[in-house]
């Protein structure tokens, strides 16, 4: 399944190295909601950690490569 717009926002924050509390502050959502989004991202991408999620998202073109920024 495709990632939602909000999940992509959370993923982009994860790619910047933001913690769950930081993501919550930036996106104006609670930390529990951030954790839910992260869990769904992991499930949808079939990964178990943030590094794998970001790496796969870049490989699939969901996020820009660090060299494209």
Protein backbone atom coordinates (compact mmCIF):
# COMPACT_ATOMS: atom_id res chain seq x y z
CA UNK A 1 0.00 0.00 0.00
CA UNK A 2 1.05 3.54 -0.72
CA UNK A 3 2.16 5.89 2.03
CA UNK A 4 -0.22 8.69 2.93
CA UNK A 5 0.80 12.33 2.65
CA UNK A 6 1.21 12.49 6.45
CA UNK A 7 3.32 9.33 6.48
CA UNK A 8 5.57 10.89 3.84
CA UNK A 9 5.92 13.99 6.03
CA UNK A 10 6.89 11.82 9.00
CA UNK A 11 9.32 9.87 6.82
CA UNK A 12 10.94 13.10 5.61
CA UNK A 13 11.41 14.18 9.22
CA UNK A 14 12.91 10.78 10.01
CA UNK A 15 15.33 11.26 7.10
CA UNK A 16 16.48 14.52 8.70
CA UNK A 17 17.22 12.60 11.89
CA UNK A 18 14.35 14.00 13.93
CA UNK A 19 13.20 12.15 17.04
CA UNK A 20 9.55 11.31 17.64
CA UNK A 21 9.05 14.31 19.97
CA UNK A 22 10.70 16.60 17.40
CA UNK A 23 8.50 15.23 14.61
CA UNK A 24 5.44 15.79 16.78
CA UNK A 25 6.39 19.42 17.40
CA UNK A 26 7.11 20.11 13.73
CA UNK A 27 3.89 18.48 12.50
CA UNK A 28 1.72 19.59 15.45
CA UNK A 29 0.78 16.04 16.41
CA UNK A 30 1.25 14.01 19.57
CA UNK A 31 4.16 11.65 20.08
CA UNK A 32 1.77 8.69 20.22
CA UNK A 33 0.44 9.67 16.80
CA UNK A 34 4.01 9.93 15.49
CA UNK A 35 4.70 6.41 16.79
CA UNK A 36 1.59 5.15 15.00
CA UNK A 37 2.71 6.73 11.73
CA UNK A 38 6.22 5.28 12.11
CA UNK A 39 4.79 1.83 12.76
CA UNK A 40 2.55 2.03 9.68
CA UNK A 41 5.50 3.25 7.58
CA UNK A 42 7.56 0.27 8.72
CA UNK A 43 4.69 -2.12 7.94
CA UNK A 44 4.02 -0.65 4.50
CA UNK A 45 7.69 -0.65 3.53
CA UNK A 46 8.40 -4.03 5.11
CA UNK A 47 11.26 -2.77 7.28
CA UNK A 48 12.13 -2.86 10.98
CA UNK A 49 14.03 0.37 11.59
CA UNK A 50 14.32 4.01 10.58
CA UNK A 51 17.51 3.61 8.59
CA UNK A 52 16.01 0.87 6.45
CA UNK A 53 12.82 2.90 5.96
CA UNK A 54 14.70 6.00 4.79
CA UNK A 55 17.09 3.99 2.60
CA UNK A 56 14.23 2.14 0.90
CA UNK A 57 12.21 5.34 0.49
CA UNK A 58 15.14 7.00 -1.27
CA UNK A 59 15.67 3.94 -3.47
CA UNK A 60 11.98 3.94 -4.44
CA UNK A 61 11.99 7.68 -5.17
CA UNK A 62 9.68 8.54 -2.26
CA UNK A 63 12.33 10.85 -0.82
CA UNK A 64 15.05 12.77 -2.60
CA UNK A 65 18.57 11.39 -2.38
CA UNK A 66 20.88 13.41 -0.12
CA UNK A 67 22.89 14.27 -3.23
CA UNK A 68 19.76 15.79 -4.85
CA UNK A 69 19.23 18.33 -2.08
